[in-house]
Amino acid sequence: MNLQRTIAEIGLMEIGRVVARFTERNEPSPFLPVMKPEEMERQIEKLALEIVGLNKKHLFMLTPEIALLESLADNNWDGLIIIAIPFDAEIESSDRIQANIPRGINVNFIREGEFPGDYFIPESSALLCGGFTVHGIQYKILPSSFRMMSLYKQFAGDRILVSAFPPEADIPELGWDNADSDFFTNRVGV
């Protein structure tokens, strides 16, 4: 399975859920941490509550974080999610992204490089990028997210790293890009 391609379709946290459910605890992972399912679920819920606490009505996600969307819906968040479809996504992949969106959440899709619209203003909006931190100081994100953050880092509002894994997780660095410190104005989940 191509994990980076699958993450582009369902998100880092949903892949984390699958890895947590089906990987033996002592089996090393070259790309993702091995966590217990309950640890992963706690992290997803923590992230959803922190994002609800931001009091933003519009969230622009660089990856379709299905697990996070489910948790936001469960927590009655009633804003609008905008999801960027990567420019290199195949039609079938784009269709799967849209088909995976859970009920109870309002989602719009745009193509990578487009801006969400006039309603997406700093006071009521935030850009969210899934990734993680290494020792709380180094930001790691997917290569596709790095490319998109380069396009959108001029957004004057909150640009938030959504740390898919808790800070104590043993996270391999294979397949991840180092994000510049100026990419993000805030982070959640750490």
Protein backbone atom coordinates (compact mmCIF):
# COMPACT_ATOMS: atom_id res chain seq x y z
CA MET A 1 0.00 0.00 0.00
CA ASN A 2 1.27 3.46 -0.89
CA LEU A 3 0.76 5.25 2.45
CA GLN A 4 1.34 8.76 1.14
CA ARG A 5 -1.24 8.29 -1.61
CA THR A 6 -3.71 6.80 0.88
CA ILE A 7 -3.11 9.68 3.30
CA ALA A 8 -3.96 12.07 0.47
CA GLU A 9 -7.35 10.32 0.22
CA ILE A 10 -8.33 9.74 3.87
CA GLY A 11 -5.85 11.71 5.95
CA LEU A 12 -3.02 11.06 8.33
CA MET A 13 -5.21 10.41 11.37
CA GLU A 14 -7.36 7.80 9.66
CA ILE A 15 -4.20 5.98 8.53
CA GLY A 16 -2.96 6.28 12.12
CA ARG A 17 -6.19 4.58 13.24
CA VAL A 18 -5.68 1.70 10.82
CA VAL A 19 -2.04 1.26 11.79
CA ALA A 20 -3.01 1.32 15.48
CA ARG A 21 -5.66 -1.37 14.97
CA PHE A 22 -3.75 -3.76 12.75
CA THR A 23 -0.07 -3.48 13.60
CA GLU A 24 1.60 -5.50 16.30
CA ARG A 25 2.90 -3.28 19.10
CA ASN A 26 6.49 -4.44 18.68
CA GLU A 27 6.55 -4.23 14.89
CA PRO A 28 8.54 -1.20 13.70
CA SER A 29 6.99 1.09 11.12
CA PRO A 30 9.18 2.87 8.59
CA PHE A 31 6.68 5.71 8.11
CA LEU A 32 4.24 5.98 11.06
CA PRO A 33 4.43 5.42 14.80
CA VAL A 34 2.97 2.25 16.22
CA MET A 35 0.35 3.25 18.78
CA LYS A 36 -2.44 1.56 20.68
CA PRO A 37 -5.90 2.20 19.23
CA GLU A 38 -7.05 4.03 22.37
CA GLU A 39 -4.02 6.36 22.18
CA MET A 40 -4.87 7.26 18.60
CA GLU A 41 -8.55 7.84 19.46
CA ARG A 42 -7.57 10.10 22.39
CA GLN A 43 -5.33 12.15 20.09
CA ILE A 44 -8.08 12.58 17.49
CA GLU A 45 -10.58 13.68 20.16
CA LYS A 46 -8.01 16.04 21.69
CA LEU A 47 -7.38 17.62 18.29
CA ALA A 48 -11.10 18.04 17.58
CA LEU A 49 -11.69 19.74 20.93
CA GLU A 50 -8.70 22.06 20.44
CA ILE A 51 -9.92 22.99 16.95
CA VAL A 52 -13.48 23.62 18.22
CA GLY A 53 -11.88 25.83 20.88
CA LEU A 54 -10.30 28.01 18.18
CA ASN A 55 -13.78 29.43 17.45
CA LYS A 56 -13.17 29.53 13.70
CA LYS A 57 -16.07 29.18 11.25
CA HIS A 58 -13.94 28.19 8.24
CA LEU A 59 -11.16 25.61 8.25
CA PHE A 60 -9.01 25.03 5.19
CA MET A 61 -7.45 21.53 5.29
CA LEU A 62 -4.53 20.51 3.11
CA THR A 63 -5.37 16.82 3.61
CA PRO A 64 -8.83 15.30 4.01
CA GLU A 65 -8.57 14.28 7.66
CA ILE A 66 -11.58 11.95 7.76
CA ALA A 67 -11.08 10.88 11.39
CA LEU A 68 -10.87 14.53 12.46
CA LEU A 69 -13.96 15.45 10.42
CA GLU A 70 -15.90 12.66 12.16
CA SER A 71 -14.81 13.90 15.56
CA LEU A 72 -15.67 17.52 14.69
CA ALA A 73 -19.15 16.36 13.63
CA ASP A 74 -19.51 14.37 16.87
CA ASN A 75 -18.61 17.55 18.79
CA ASN A 76 -21.29 19.53 16.90
CA TRP A 77 -18.85 21.88 15.18
CA ASP A 78 -21.00 23.72 12.65
CA GLY A 79 -18.55 25.59 10.45
CA LEU A 80 -17.36 25.00 6.91
CA ILE A 81 -14.40 22.79 5.98
CA ILE A 82 -12.58 23.52 2.75
CA ILE A 83 -10.40 20.69 1.47
CA ALA A 84 -7.69 21.17 -1.13
CA ILE A 85 -7.56 18.45 -3.78
CA PRO A 86 -3.92 18.03 -4.88
CA PHE A 87 -3.29 19.07 -8.48
CA ASP A 88 -1.80 15.66 -9.22
CA ALA A 89 -4.73 13.64 -7.81
CA GLU A 90 -6.24 11.23 -10.30
CA ILE A 91 -9.98 11.50 -10.98
CA GLU A 92 -10.64 8.24 -9.10
CA SER A 93 -8.65 9.51 -6.13
CA SER A 94 -10.55 12.81 -6.13
CA ASP A 95 -13.84 10.88 -6.23
CA ARG A 96 -12.75 8.69 -3.28
CA ILE A 97 -11.82 11.78 -1.25
CA GLN A 98 -15.29 13.24 -1.78
CA ALA A 99 -17.01 9.91 -1.10
CA ASN A 100 -15.19 9.48 2.24
CA ILE A 101 -16.56 12.67 3.83
CA PRO A 102 -18.66 11.76 6.89
CA ARG A 103 -22.22 12.94 7.37
CA GLY A 104 -22.86 15.86 9.67
CA ILE A 105 -20.08 18.10 8.42
CA ASN A 106 -20.23 20.85 5.78
CA VAL A 107 -17.40 20.49 3.23
CA ASN A 108 -16.38 22.33 0.06
CA PHE A 109 -13.58 21.21 -2.25
CA ILE A 110 -11.14 23.35 -4.19
CA ARG A 111 -8.18 22.46 -6.38
CA GLU A 112 -4.68 23.03 -5.07
CA GLY A 113 -3.61 26.59 -5.86
CA GLU A 114 -7.11 28.05 -5.62
CA PHE A 115 -8.01 30.25 -2.67
CA PRO A 116 -11.12 29.31 -0.65
CA GLY A 117 -13.07 32.53 -1.33
CA ASP A 118 -13.95 35.96 0.04
CA TYR A 119 -15.48 34.45 3.19
CA PHE A 120 -12.08 32.98 4.16
CA ILE A 121 -10.73 35.86 6.27
CA PRO A 122 -8.18 35.77 9.11
CA GLU A 123 -10.66 36.62 11.88
CA SER A 124 -12.95 33.64 11.27
CA SER A 125 -10.72 31.18 9.40
CA ALA A 126 -7.67 28.96 9.84
CA LEU A 127 -5.50 26.83 7.59
CA LEU A 128 -4.86 23.32 9.00
CA CYS A 129 -1.97 21.10 7.96
CA GLY A 130 -1.60 17.55 9.29
CA GLY A 131 1.84 16.46 10.41
CA PHE A 132 3.71 16.07 13.67
CA THR A 133 6.54 17.52 15.72
CA VAL A 134 9.85 15.95 16.60
CA HIS A 135 10.82 16.83 20.17
CA GLY A 136 8.27 19.64 20.02
CA ILE A 137 10.48 21.84 17.86
CA GLN A 138 10.87 20.34 14.40
CA TYR A 139 7.79 20.22 12.16
CA LYS A 140 7.30 17.29 9.77
CA ILE A 141 4.68 17.30 7.01
CA LEU A 142 3.99 15.35 3.84
CA PRO A 143 5.75 16.47 0.64
CA SER A 144 2.37 17.38 -0.91
CA SER A 145 1.48 19.45 2.17
CA PHE A 146 4.88 21.15 1.99
CA ARG A 147 4.15 22.13 -1.60
CA MET A 148 0.70 23.47 -0.65
CA MET A 149 1.95 25.30 2.46
CA SER A 150 4.41 27.10 0.18
CA LEU A 151 1.43 28.31 -1.86
CA TYR A 152 -0.76 29.33 1.08
CA LYS A 153 1.70 30.54 3.73
CA GLN A 154 0.89 34.16 2.85
CA PHE A 155 -2.55 33.72 4.44
CA ALA A 156 -2.55 36.30 7.25
CA GLY A 157 -4.67 34.19 9.63
CA ASP A 158 -3.80 31.16 11.72
CA ARG A 159 -1.76 28.53 9.91
CA ILE A 160 -1.88 25.56 12.25
CA LEU A 161 0.12 22.36 12.39
CA VAL A 162 -2.29 19.61 13.45
CA SER A 163 -0.03 17.10 15.19
CA ALA A 164 -1.60 13.76 14.35
CA PHE A 165 0.44 11.97 16.98
CA PRO A 166 1.09 12.86 20.62
CA PRO A 167 4.49 14.30 21.47
CA GLU A 168 5.60 11.10 23.22
CA ALA A 169 5.02 8.94 20.11
CA ASP A 170 8.15 7.43 18.57
CA ILE A 171 7.78 8.81 15.07
CA PRO A 172 9.96 7.69 12.18
CA GLU A 173 11.06 10.48 9.90
CA LEU A 174 11.05 8.52 6.63
CA GLY A 175 8.87 10.09 3.91
CA TRP A 176 8.37 13.45 5.62
CA ASP A 177 9.59 16.96 4.78
CA ASN A 178 10.88 19.46 7.31
CA ALA A 179 8.57 22.47 7.39
CA ASP A 180 10.00 25.94 7.71
CA SER A 181 9.29 27.57 11.07
CA ASP A 182 7.42 30.42 9.36
CA PHE A 183 4.88 28.01 7.81
CA PHE A 184 2.90 27.85 11.05
CA THR A 185 1.60 30.43 13.48
CA ASN A 186 0.25 27.84 15.93
CA ARG A 187 -0.03 24.10 16.54
CA VAL A 188 -2.55 21.77 18.16
CA GLY A 189 -2.20 18.29 19.58
CA VAL A 190 1.20 18.80 21.21
